[in-house]
Amino acid sequence: MASLANVQIADKNSIFDSGAAFLLTQKCDIDRIVTISADREAEVSQNSPYVVARIKGATNATDAFNDSREVVQQALDILSAQGEAHLTTRNTQDDSLIWWRGPSGQVLRFVSVSNMSVTTGLAKVVVTDKDGNVVPPTPQPQAIYHEGLRYFRLSQTTDDLFEAFRNMYLAFESLLESPIMAAGRVSGLGTPWPQPTVDFRSLVFINRQQN
């Protein structure tokens, strides 16, 4: 029999042949087994940061995870309604322990996903002439504010990949909806674009250190 912080989990001799353990957001102050049905129950313990669901019938990781998570949510609902404990789970997709009974025996799988970010410094380019003398850089145009810059900054400061993509998309969309870009679309192919009154380099390529 296997246990997690003194709470029974995978046991080949138990009627509960599958289940899962999920991390709790809050500290649990009670020891309690909540029975959902004859083949489904969940347990919380003062000595464990996990809530454990024990179920029957799951034959793969997906079913074990989904069915166990639903059992856990129902059990926590009951505990809250009875005034015993108000608990929630966290990072269920990224941190969990699941088990089920496969054709070759009991399977136990530990799932842990770590988020990390990689940052790089701004590249510095030095231009020299044919004699090796450094050519002074061309002065950067004065930055002119555009509402799309707000989305650009948010895309660079979030750790969420989907939020970063969403904000970058909104920044690009905002830029396309600007009067100059709209005038370019109206003019059509083969017709020169109107002389811009805003340098787009000043809208997009702004040193992050200024944020």
Protein backbone atom coordinates (compact mmCIF):
# COMPACT_ATOMS: atom_id res chain seq x y z
CA MET A 1 0.00 0.00 0.00
CA ALA A 2 1.30 3.45 -0.93
CA SER A 3 0.59 6.58 1.08
CA LEU A 4 1.13 10.30 0.72
CA ALA A 5 1.66 12.22 4.00
CA ASN A 6 -0.05 9.35 5.85
CA VAL A 7 -3.02 9.39 3.46
CA GLN A 8 -3.66 6.18 1.54
CA ILE A 9 -3.29 6.44 -2.21
CA ALA A 10 -2.53 3.60 -4.63
CA ASP A 11 -3.33 0.18 -3.19
CA LYS A 12 -3.63 -2.84 -5.44
CA ASN A 13 -5.87 -4.59 -2.90
CA SER A 14 -8.30 -1.69 -2.45
CA ILE A 15 -11.66 -1.39 -4.17
CA PHE A 16 -10.44 2.06 -5.24
CA ASP A 17 -8.18 1.16 -8.13
CA SER A 18 -7.47 4.74 -9.26
CA GLY A 19 -7.37 8.29 -8.02
CA ALA A 20 -5.34 11.47 -7.74
CA ALA A 21 -3.81 13.89 -5.25
CA PHE A 22 -3.93 17.66 -5.73
CA LEU A 23 -2.29 20.50 -3.82
CA LEU A 24 -4.43 22.67 -1.57
CA THR A 25 -4.18 26.44 -1.57
CA GLN A 26 -4.98 26.72 2.14
CA LYS A 27 -3.70 24.80 5.15
CA CYS A 28 -6.13 22.10 6.20
CA ASP A 29 -6.99 21.88 9.92
CA ILE A 30 -9.18 18.78 9.88
CA ASP A 31 -8.95 15.05 9.17
CA ARG A 32 -11.92 14.02 7.10
CA ILE A 33 -13.00 11.43 4.54
CA VAL A 34 -15.92 12.60 2.40
CA THR A 35 -17.87 9.83 0.69
CA ILE A 36 -19.39 10.86 -2.63
CA SER A 37 -20.66 7.42 -3.62
CA ALA A 38 -19.86 3.79 -2.97
CA ASP A 39 -16.86 3.94 -5.31
CA ARG A 40 -15.79 7.57 -4.86
CA GLU A 41 -14.36 9.39 -1.87
CA ALA A 42 -11.93 12.16 -1.00
CA GLU A 43 -9.73 12.70 2.02
CA VAL A 44 -8.04 15.70 3.62
CA SER A 45 -5.63 15.61 6.53
CA GLN A 46 -4.02 18.12 8.87
CA ASN A 47 -0.61 16.65 8.07
CA SER A 48 -0.95 16.84 4.31
CA PRO A 49 -0.91 19.74 1.81
CA TYR A 50 -2.87 17.51 -0.56
CA VAL A 51 -6.47 16.49 -1.03
CA VAL A 52 -6.70 12.90 -2.22
CA ALA A 53 -9.47 11.40 -4.35
CA ARG A 54 -9.95 7.66 -4.49
CA ILE A 55 -12.19 6.31 -7.26
CA LYS A 56 -12.90 3.12 -9.18
CA GLY A 57 -12.89 2.31 -12.86
CA ALA A 58 -10.39 4.69 -14.46
CA THR A 59 -8.24 2.86 -17.00
CA ASN A 60 -6.00 5.70 -18.17
CA ALA A 61 -4.38 8.90 -16.95
CA THR A 62 -6.97 11.24 -18.46
CA ASP A 63 -9.95 9.52 -16.86
CA ALA A 64 -8.15 9.21 -13.53
CA PHE A 65 -7.33 12.91 -13.55
CA ASN A 66 -10.71 14.24 -14.70
CA ASP A 67 -12.86 11.96 -12.53
CA SER A 68 -10.68 12.50 -9.46
CA ARG A 69 -10.70 16.26 -9.87
CA GLU A 70 -14.48 16.27 -10.00
CA VAL A 71 -14.67 14.11 -6.86
CA VAL A 72 -12.31 16.50 -5.08
CA GLN A 73 -14.38 19.54 -6.04
CA GLN A 74 -17.56 17.88 -4.81
CA ALA A 75 -15.92 16.91 -1.54
CA LEU A 76 -14.60 20.41 -0.95
CA ASP A 77 -18.06 21.79 -1.71
CA ILE A 78 -19.52 19.56 1.00
CA LEU A 79 -16.87 20.50 3.55
CA SER A 80 -17.48 24.18 2.90
CA ALA A 81 -21.29 23.86 3.10
CA GLN A 82 -20.98 22.01 6.41
CA GLY A 83 -18.72 24.73 7.78
CA GLU A 84 -15.83 22.34 8.41
CA ALA A 85 -13.26 23.84 6.04
CA HIS A 86 -13.13 26.26 3.13
CA LEU A 87 -10.49 24.88 0.78
CA THR A 88 -9.50 25.18 -2.86
CA THR A 89 -7.04 23.36 -5.07
CA ARG A 90 -4.19 24.99 -7.00
CA ASN A 91 -2.15 24.18 -10.08
CA THR A 92 -4.06 20.98 -10.75
CA GLN A 93 -2.80 20.83 -14.32
CA ASP A 94 0.82 21.42 -13.31
CA ASP A 95 1.19 19.53 -10.00
CA SER A 96 -0.60 16.29 -9.30
CA LEU A 97 -0.18 12.63 -8.49
CA ILE A 98 -2.46 10.25 -10.37
CA TRP A 99 -2.80 6.50 -10.46
CA TRP A 100 -4.89 3.87 -12.19
CA ARG A 101 -4.86 0.14 -12.76
CA GLY A 102 -3.55 -0.83 -16.18
CA PRO A 103 -3.34 -4.22 -17.92
CA SER A 104 0.10 -4.86 -16.42
CA GLY A 105 -0.69 -3.62 -12.93
CA GLN A 106 -0.91 -0.46 -10.88
CA VAL A 107 0.40 2.71 -12.57
CA LEU A 108 1.51 5.73 -10.54
CA ARG A 109 2.35 9.00 -12.32
CA PHE A 110 3.74 12.19 -10.81
CA VAL A 111 3.11 15.37 -12.82
CA SER A 112 5.10 18.54 -12.18
CA VAL A 113 5.47 21.47 -14.57
CA SER A 114 7.96 24.25 -13.82
CA ASN A 115 7.57 27.62 -15.50
CA MET A 116 10.71 29.49 -16.46
CA SER A 117 11.49 32.57 -18.49
CA VAL A 118 14.55 33.47 -20.54
CA THR A 119 15.60 37.08 -21.03
CA THR A 120 18.32 38.57 -23.16
CA GLY A 121 19.95 41.98 -23.06
CA LEU A 122 19.59 44.50 -25.83
CA ALA A 123 22.13 44.01 -28.60
CA LYS A 124 24.53 46.89 -29.18
CA VAL A 125 25.81 47.45 -32.71
CA VAL A 126 28.92 49.54 -33.40
CA VAL A 127 29.36 50.90 -36.93
CA THR A 128 32.84 51.79 -38.20
CA ASP A 129 34.04 53.30 -41.43
CA LYS A 130 36.66 51.84 -43.77
CA ASP A 131 39.44 53.21 -41.55
CA GLY A 132 38.05 51.64 -38.42
CA ASN A 133 36.70 54.84 -36.95
CA VAL A 134 33.45 54.58 -35.03
CA VAL A 135 30.59 56.24 -36.87
CA PRO A 136 28.34 58.15 -34.47
CA PRO A 137 24.88 56.65 -34.36
CA THR A 138 22.02 58.43 -36.03
CA PRO A 139 19.94 60.23 -33.42
CA GLN A 140 16.79 58.30 -32.57
CA PRO A 141 13.55 60.04 -33.49
CA GLN A 142 11.56 61.38 -30.58
CA ALA A 143 9.10 58.80 -29.31
CA ILE A 144 5.49 59.69 -30.05
CA TYR A 145 2.87 58.01 -27.93
CA HIS A 146 0.44 55.59 -29.50
CA GLU A 147 -2.18 53.57 -27.61
CA GLY A 148 -0.74 50.37 -29.06
CA LEU A 149 2.36 50.86 -26.92
CA ARG A 150 0.35 49.95 -23.81
CA TYR A 151 -0.38 46.51 -25.23
CA PHE A 152 3.24 46.12 -26.33
CA ARG A 153 4.51 46.84 -22.82
CA LEU A 154 2.04 44.41 -21.26
CA SER A 155 3.13 41.71 -23.72
CA GLN A 156 6.73 42.13 -22.54
CA THR A 157 6.03 42.09 -18.80
CA THR A 158 3.75 39.07 -18.39
CA ASP A 159 4.92 35.53 -17.63
CA ASP A 160 1.84 34.05 -19.32
CA LEU A 161 2.55 33.03 -22.91
CA PHE A 162 -1.08 33.37 -24.01
CA GLU A 163 -1.45 36.78 -22.35
CA ALA A 164 1.75 37.93 -24.07
CA PHE A 165 0.45 36.78 -27.46
CA ARG A 166 -2.93 38.42 -26.85
CA ASN A 167 -1.42 41.78 -25.95
CA MET A 168 1.06 41.69 -28.85
CA TYR A 169 -1.85 40.95 -31.19
CA LEU A 170 -3.82 43.89 -29.74
CA ALA A 171 -0.80 46.15 -30.17
CA PHE A 172 -0.51 45.18 -33.83
CA GLU A 173 -4.25 45.53 -34.36
CA SER A 174 -4.22 48.97 -32.76
CA LEU A 175 -1.39 50.02 -35.05
CA LEU A 176 -3.28 48.78 -38.12
CA GLU A 177 -6.34 50.77 -37.07
CA SER A 178 -4.36 54.02 -36.87
CA PRO A 179 -5.33 56.74 -39.39
CA ILE A 180 -2.11 56.37 -41.40
CA MET A 181 -2.52 52.62 -41.88
CA ALA A 182 -6.20 53.08 -42.73
CA ALA A 183 -5.28 55.65 -45.39
CA GLY A 184 -2.81 53.18 -46.87
CA ARG A 185 -5.49 50.51 -47.21
CA VAL A 186 -7.86 52.90 -48.91
CA SER A 187 -5.25 53.97 -51.44
CA GLY A 188 -4.94 50.37 -52.68
CA LEU A 189 -2.14 48.54 -54.40
CA GLY A 190 -0.18 50.44 -57.01
CA THR A 191 -0.91 53.81 -55.43
CA PRO A 192 1.80 55.49 -53.37
CA TRP A 193 1.16 55.58 -49.65
CA PRO A 194 0.54 59.05 -48.24
CA GLN A 195 3.51 60.77 -46.70
CA PRO A 196 3.50 59.61 -43.06
CA THR A 197 3.31 62.20 -40.33
CA VAL A 198 4.45 59.69 -37.69
CA ASP A 199 7.67 57.68 -37.75
CA PHE A 200 6.53 54.13 -36.98
CA ARG A 201 9.97 53.26 -35.66
CA SER A 202 9.29 55.63 -32.81
CA LEU A 203 6.03 53.81 -32.10
CA VAL A 204 7.36 50.28 -31.83
CA PHE A 205 11.10 50.17 -31.24
CA ILE A 206 11.32 51.84 -27.86
CA ASN A 207 13.97 50.88 -25.35
CA ARG A 208 12.33 48.78 -22.65
CA GLN A 209 14.46 50.55 -20.08
CA GLN A 210 12.24 53.58 -20.56
CA ASN A 211 9.20 51.62 -19.28
